[in-house]
Each structure stands twice: as C-alpha cells, then as structure tokens.
Amino acid sequence: MQEVLIFTVGEILEVILPDDIVGKDGFVNIEKAETVAISGLDSYHDTKRIARLSYAKPGN
C-alpha cells in the first residue's frame, strides 16, 4: 500500500480577539486570553510568560 501525503498551504487572513487581550502596541496577551500552546501533534501546554524583551537590532 502506498503512503499518501497531503501538504496544505494557506494563510491567516483575520484574527478576531477581544479588545482587552490586545495591548496598545499590538502585543497579544495569551495568558489573559487563557489560551494554550501546542507542541508537536498532541502535546498541549499552559502558557506562562517568562519575560518580554526588546526586538533584536542589528549593529547594537
């Protein structure tokens, strides 16, 4: 029997979030949203922010 692989390509066009989850700078607070993260195909995790760092800037 031959294995069939399906590869899906797509894009996210819109994400709808409550206003109190998105900060003025566009940061999405996933902890406040009480969401989960996924690792692999079947492993789910609670989210806990460790730190928020500034963007890396080349040459600095």
PDB file of N, CA and C in Angstrom:
ATOM      1  N   MET A   1       0.841  -1.176   0.000  1.00  0.00           N
ATOM      2  CA  MET A   1       0.000   0.000   0.000  1.00  0.00           C
ATOM      3  C   MET A   1       0.887   1.241   0.000  1.00  0.00           C
ATOM      4  N   GLN A   2       0.609   2.191  -0.862  1.00  0.00           N
ATOM      5  CA  GLN A   2       1.396   3.410  -0.977  1.00  0.00           C
ATOM      6  C   GLN A   2       0.894   4.465   0.011  1.00  0.00           C
ATOM      7  N   GLU A   3       1.850   5.116   0.687  1.00  0.00           N
ATOM      8  CA  GLU A   3       1.504   6.165   1.638  1.00  0.00           C
ATOM      9  C   GLU A   3       1.126   7.431   0.877  1.00  0.00           C
ATOM     10  N   VAL A   4       0.043   8.068   1.306  1.00  0.00           N
ATOM     11  CA  VAL A   4      -0.419   9.305   0.683  1.00  0.00           C
ATOM     12  C   VAL A   4      -0.109  10.458   1.628  1.00  0.00           C
ATOM     13  N   LEU A   5       0.593  11.458   1.138  1.00  0.00           N
ATOM     14  CA  LEU A   5       0.908  12.637   1.928  1.00  0.00           C
ATOM     15  C   LEU A   5       0.105  13.826   1.403  1.00  0.00           C
ATOM     16  N   ILE A   6      -0.438  14.598   2.312  1.00  0.00           N
ATOM     17  CA  ILE A   6      -1.191  15.792   1.934  1.00  0.00           C
ATOM     18  C   ILE A   6      -0.473  16.989   2.527  1.00  0.00           C
ATOM     19  N   PHE A   7      -0.136  17.953   1.706  1.00  0.00           N
ATOM     20  CA  PHE A   7       0.545  19.171   2.128  1.00  0.00           C
ATOM     21  C   PHE A   7      -0.394  20.341   1.861  1.00  0.00           C
ATOM     22  N   THR A   8      -0.767  21.040   2.911  1.00  0.00           N
ATOM     23  CA  THR A   8      -1.701  22.161   2.788  1.00  0.00           C
ATOM     24  C   THR A   8      -0.951  23.474   2.971  1.00  0.00           C
ATOM     25  N   VAL A   9      -1.178  24.402   2.064  1.00  0.00           N
ATOM     26  CA  VAL A   9      -0.579  25.733   2.142  1.00  0.00           C
ATOM     27  C   VAL A   9      -1.718  26.731   2.282  1.00  0.00           C
ATOM     28  N   GLY A  10      -1.577  27.648   3.217  1.00  0.00           N
ATOM     29  CA  GLY A  10      -2.637  28.637   3.399  1.00  0.00           C
ATOM     30  C   GLY A  10      -2.111  29.862   4.105  1.00  0.00           C
ATOM     31  N   GLU A  11      -3.003  30.782   4.374  1.00  0.00           N
ATOM     32  CA  GLU A  11      -2.640  31.990   5.105  1.00  0.00           C
ATOM     33  C   GLU A  11      -3.784  32.387   6.011  1.00  0.00           C
ATOM     34  N   ILE A  12      -3.449  33.038   7.101  1.00  0.00           N
ATOM     35  CA  ILE A  12      -4.456  33.560   8.021  1.00  0.00           C
ATOM     36  C   ILE A  12      -4.801  34.965   7.556  1.00  0.00           C
ATOM     37  N   LEU A  13      -6.054  35.191   7.262  1.00  0.00           N
ATOM     38  CA  LEU A  13      -6.487  36.493   6.760  1.00  0.00           C
ATOM     39  C   LEU A  13      -6.985  37.415   7.866  1.00  0.00           C
ATOM     40  N   GLU A  14      -7.507  36.842   8.938  1.00  0.00           N
ATOM     41  CA  GLU A  14      -8.063  37.676  10.001  1.00  0.00           C
ATOM     42  C   GLU A  14      -8.055  36.894  11.312  1.00  0.00           C
ATOM     43  N   VAL A  15      -7.705  37.571  12.385  1.00  0.00           N
ATOM     44  CA  VAL A  15      -7.781  37.004  13.722  1.00  0.00           C
ATOM     45  C   VAL A  15      -8.661  37.938  14.538  1.00  0.00           C
ATOM     46  N   ILE A  16      -9.687  37.401  15.138  1.00  0.00           N
ATOM     47  CA  ILE A  16     -10.615  38.211  15.931  1.00  0.00           C
ATOM     48  C   ILE A  16     -10.358  37.924  17.406  1.00  0.00           C
ATOM     49  N   LEU A  17      -9.986  38.967  18.155  1.00  0.00           N
ATOM     50  CA  LEU A  17      -9.682  38.847  19.576  1.00  0.00           C
ATOM     51  C   LEU A  17     -10.436  39.911  20.357  1.00  0.00           C
ATOM     52  N   PRO A  18     -10.745  39.638  21.627  1.00  0.00           N
ATOM     53  CA  PRO A  18     -11.347  40.686  22.461  1.00  0.00           C
ATOM     54  C   PRO A  18     -10.383  41.857  22.610  1.00  0.00           C
ATOM     55  N   ASP A  19     -10.898  43.079  22.678  1.00  0.00           N
ATOM     56  CA  ASP A  19     -10.073  44.284  22.774  1.00  0.00           C
ATOM     57  C   ASP A  19      -9.146  44.266  23.986  1.00  0.00           C
ATOM     58  N   ASP A  20      -9.594  43.680  25.108  1.00  0.00           N
ATOM     59  CA  ASP A  20      -8.775  43.716  26.319  1.00  0.00           C
ATOM     60  C   ASP A  20      -7.610  42.718  26.276  1.00  0.00           C
ATOM     61  N   ILE A  21      -7.512  41.915  25.248  1.00  0.00           N
ATOM     62  CA  ILE A  21      -6.414  40.961  25.081  1.00  0.00           C
ATOM     63  C   ILE A  21      -5.258  41.597  24.299  1.00  0.00           C
ATOM     64  N   VAL A  22      -5.564  42.589  23.477  1.00  0.00           N
ATOM     65  CA  VAL A  22      -4.561  43.222  22.621  1.00  0.00           C
ATOM     66  C   VAL A  22      -4.154  44.566  23.216  1.00  0.00           C
ATOM     67  N   GLY A  23      -2.846  44.734  23.470  1.00  0.00           N
ATOM     68  CA  GLY A  23      -2.330  45.982  24.029  1.00  0.00           C
ATOM     69  C   GLY A  23      -2.245  47.077  22.982  1.00  0.00           C
ATOM     70  N   LYS A  24      -1.985  48.299  23.421  1.00  0.00           N
ATOM     71  CA  LYS A  24      -1.877  49.441  22.510  1.00  0.00           C
ATOM     72  C   LYS A  24      -0.744  49.271  21.510  1.00  0.00           C
ATOM     73  N   ASP A  25       0.285  48.492  21.885  1.00  0.00           N
ATOM     74  CA  ASP A  25       1.415  48.251  20.985  1.00  0.00           C
ATOM     75  C   ASP A  25       1.210  47.020  20.104  1.00  0.00           C
ATOM     76  N   GLY A  26       0.022  46.405  20.173  1.00  0.00           N
ATOM     77  CA  GLY A  26      -0.273  45.241  19.351  1.00  0.00           C
ATOM     78  C   GLY A  26       0.073  43.907  20.002  1.00  0.00           C
ATOM     79  N   PHE A  27       0.660  43.943  21.198  1.00  0.00           N
ATOM     80  CA  PHE A  27       1.026  42.729  21.915  1.00  0.00           C
ATOM     81  C   PHE A  27      -0.230  41.972  22.326  1.00  0.00           C
ATOM     82  N   VAL A  28      -0.271  40.679  22.009  1.00  0.00           N
ATOM     83  CA  VAL A  28      -1.414  39.838  22.371  1.00  0.00           C
ATOM     84  C   VAL A  28      -1.070  39.097  23.658  1.00  0.00           C
ATOM     85  N   ASN A  29      -1.833  39.338  24.703  1.00  0.00           N
ATOM     86  CA  ASN A  29      -1.597  38.719  25.999  1.00  0.00           C
ATOM     87  C   ASN A  29      -2.290  37.354  26.025  1.00  0.00           C
ATOM     88  N   ILE A  30      -1.546  36.308  25.649  1.00  0.00           N
ATOM     89  CA  ILE A  30      -2.164  34.982  25.562  1.00  0.00           C
ATOM     90  C   ILE A  30      -2.479  34.396  26.933  1.00  0.00           C
ATOM     91  N   GLU A  31      -1.813  34.875  27.983  1.00  0.00           N
ATOM     92  CA  GLU A  31      -2.157  34.425  29.331  1.00  0.00           C
ATOM     93  C   GLU A  31      -3.535  34.947  29.733  1.00  0.00           C
ATOM     94  N   LYS A  32      -3.765  36.227  29.456  1.00  0.00           N
ATOM     95  CA  LYS A  32      -5.058  36.836  29.777  1.00  0.00           C
ATOM     96  C   LYS A  32      -6.176  36.194  28.963  1.00  0.00           C
ATOM     97  N   ALA A  33      -5.846  35.755  27.764  1.00  0.00           N
ATOM     98  CA  ALA A  33      -6.828  35.089  26.911  1.00  0.00           C
ATOM     99  C   ALA A  33      -7.126  33.671  27.387  1.00  0.00           C
ATOM    100  N   GLU A  34      -6.312  33.186  28.357  1.00  0.00           N
ATOM    101  CA  GLU A  34      -6.451  31.832  28.890  1.00  0.00           C
ATOM    102  C   GLU A  34      -6.391  30.789  27.782  1.00  0.00           C
ATOM    103  N   THR A  35      -5.410  30.960  26.912  1.00  0.00           N
ATOM    104  CA  THR A  35      -5.234  30.055  25.798  1.00  0.00           C
ATOM    105  C   THR A  35      -4.215  28.980  26.145  1.00  0.00           C
ATOM    106  N   VAL A  36      -3.980  28.070  25.225  1.00  0.00           N
ATOM    107  CA  VAL A  36      -2.972  27.039  25.398  1.00  0.00           C
ATOM    108  C   VAL A  36      -2.023  27.060  24.209  1.00  0.00           C
ATOM    109  N   ALA A  37      -0.885  26.446  24.387  1.00  0.00           N
ATOM    110  CA  ALA A  37       0.091  26.310  23.306  1.00  0.00           C
ATOM    111  C   ALA A  37       0.163  24.834  22.919  1.00  0.00           C
ATOM    112  N   ILE A  38       0.620  24.564  21.715  1.00  0.00           N
ATOM    113  CA  ILE A  38       0.737  23.183  21.255  1.00  0.00           C
ATOM    114  C   ILE A  38       2.178  22.915  20.841  1.00  0.00           C
ATOM    115  N   SER A  39       2.614  21.717  21.122  1.00  0.00           N
ATOM    116  CA  SER A  39       3.949  21.268  20.757  1.00  0.00           C
ATOM    117  C   SER A  39       3.792  19.929  20.041  1.00  0.00           C
ATOM    118  N   GLY A  40       4.187  19.905  18.792  1.00  0.00           N
ATOM    119  CA  GLY A  40       4.003  18.674  18.028  1.00  0.00           C
ATOM    120  C   GLY A  40       2.545  18.490  17.655  1.00  0.00           C
ATOM    121  N   LEU A  41       2.136  17.255  17.571  1.00  0.00           N
ATOM    122  CA  LEU A  41       0.762  16.960  17.154  1.00  0.00           C
ATOM    123  C   LEU A  41      -0.209  16.756  18.312  1.00  0.00           C
ATOM    124  N   ASP A  42       0.318  16.425  19.493  1.00  0.00           N
ATOM    125  CA  ASP A  42      -0.600  16.001  20.551  1.00  0.00           C
ATOM    126  C   ASP A  42      -0.202  16.442  21.957  1.00  0.00           C
ATOM    127  N   SER A  43       0.596  17.488  22.073  1.00  0.00           N
ATOM    128  CA  SER A  43       1.048  17.923  23.387  1.00  0.00           C
ATOM    129  C   SER A  43       0.627  19.371  23.610  1.00  0.00           C
ATOM    130  N   TYR A  44      -0.188  19.599  24.623  1.00  0.00           N
ATOM    131  CA  TYR A  44      -0.720  20.933  24.904  1.00  0.00           C
ATOM    132  C   TYR A  44      -0.161  21.453  26.218  1.00  0.00           C
ATOM    133  N   HIS A  45       0.025  22.774  26.307  1.00  0.00           N
ATOM    134  CA  HIS A  45       0.671  23.379  27.463  1.00  0.00           C
ATOM    135  C   HIS A  45      -0.054  24.643  27.901  1.00  0.00           C
ATOM    136  N   ASP A  46      -0.040  24.882  29.216  1.00  0.00           N
ATOM    137  CA  ASP A  46      -0.465  26.190  29.730  1.00  0.00           C
ATOM    138  C   ASP A  46       0.609  27.195  29.348  1.00  0.00           C
ATOM    139  N   THR A  47       0.225  28.452  29.254  1.00  0.00           N
ATOM    140  CA  THR A  47       1.210  29.477  28.911  1.00  0.00           C
ATOM    141  C   THR A  47       1.557  30.300  30.141  1.00  0.00           C
ATOM    142  N   LYS A  48       2.836  30.620  30.259  1.00  0.00           N
ATOM    143  CA  LYS A  48       3.318  31.471  31.335  1.00  0.00           C
ATOM    144  C   LYS A  48       4.466  32.298  30.774  1.00  0.00           C
ATOM    145  N   ARG A  49       4.275  33.598  30.718  1.00  0.00           N
ATOM    146  CA  ARG A  49       5.310  34.469  30.169  1.00  0.00           C
ATOM    147  C   ARG A  49       6.499  34.507  31.113  1.00  0.00           C
ATOM    148  N   ILE A  50       7.678  34.354  30.555  1.00  0.00           N
ATOM    149  CA  ILE A  50       8.919  34.430  31.319  1.00  0.00           C
ATOM    150  C   ILE A  50       9.425  35.869  31.330  1.00  0.00           C
ATOM    151  N   ALA A  51       9.435  36.500  30.161  1.00  0.00           N
ATOM    152  CA  ALA A  51       9.909  37.883  30.041  1.00  0.00           C
ATOM    153  C   ALA A  51       9.456  38.440  28.704  1.00  0.00           C
ATOM    154  N   ARG A  52       9.479  39.748  28.606  1.00  0.00           N
ATOM    155  CA  ARG A  52       9.233  40.419  27.332  1.00  0.00           C
ATOM    156  C   ARG A  52      10.439  41.278  27.044  1.00  0.00           C
ATOM    157  N   LEU A  53      11.146  40.970  25.966  1.00  0.00           N
ATOM    158  CA  LEU A  53      12.392  41.646  25.635  1.00  0.00           C
ATOM    159  C   LEU A  53      12.202  42.536  24.420  1.00  0.00           C
ATOM    160  N   SER A  54      13.092  43.479  24.227  1.00  0.00           N
ATOM    161  CA  SER A  54      13.025  44.344  23.061  1.00  0.00           C
ATOM    162  C   SER A  54      13.447  43.553  21.819  1.00  0.00           C
ATOM    163  N   TYR A  55      13.056  44.037  20.671  1.00  0.00           N
ATOM    164  CA  TYR A  55      13.438  43.410  19.410  1.00  0.00           C
ATOM    165  C   TYR A  55      14.952  43.454  19.256  1.00  0.00           C
ATOM    166  N   ALA A  56      15.500  42.424  18.624  1.00  0.00           N
ATOM    167  CA  ALA A  56      16.926  42.428  18.303  1.00  0.00           C
ATOM    168  C   ALA A  56      17.187  43.492  17.234  1.00  0.00           C
ATOM    169  N   LYS A  57      18.243  44.247  17.419  1.00  0.00           N
ATOM    170  CA  LYS A  57      18.571  45.321  16.475  1.00  0.00           C
ATOM    171  C   LYS A  57      19.986  45.093  15.969  1.00  0.00           C
ATOM    172  N   PRO A  58      20.134  44.782  14.676  1.00  0.00           N
ATOM    173  CA  PRO A  58      21.476  44.560  14.124  1.00  0.00           C
ATOM    174  C   PRO A  58      22.390  45.748  14.375  1.00  0.00           C
ATOM    175  N   GLY A  59      23.617  45.477  14.751  1.00  0.00           N
ATOM    176  CA  GLY A  59      24.592  46.538  14.962  1.00  0.00           C
ATOM    177  C   GLY A  59      24.591  47.121  16.360  1.00  0.00           C
ATOM    178  N   ASN A  60      23.656  46.683  17.210  1.00  0.00           N
ATOM    179  CA  ASN A  60      23.606  47.184  18.602  1.00  0.00           C
ATOM    180  C   ASN A  60      24.030  46.103  19.572  1.00  0.00           C
TER     181      ASN A  60
END
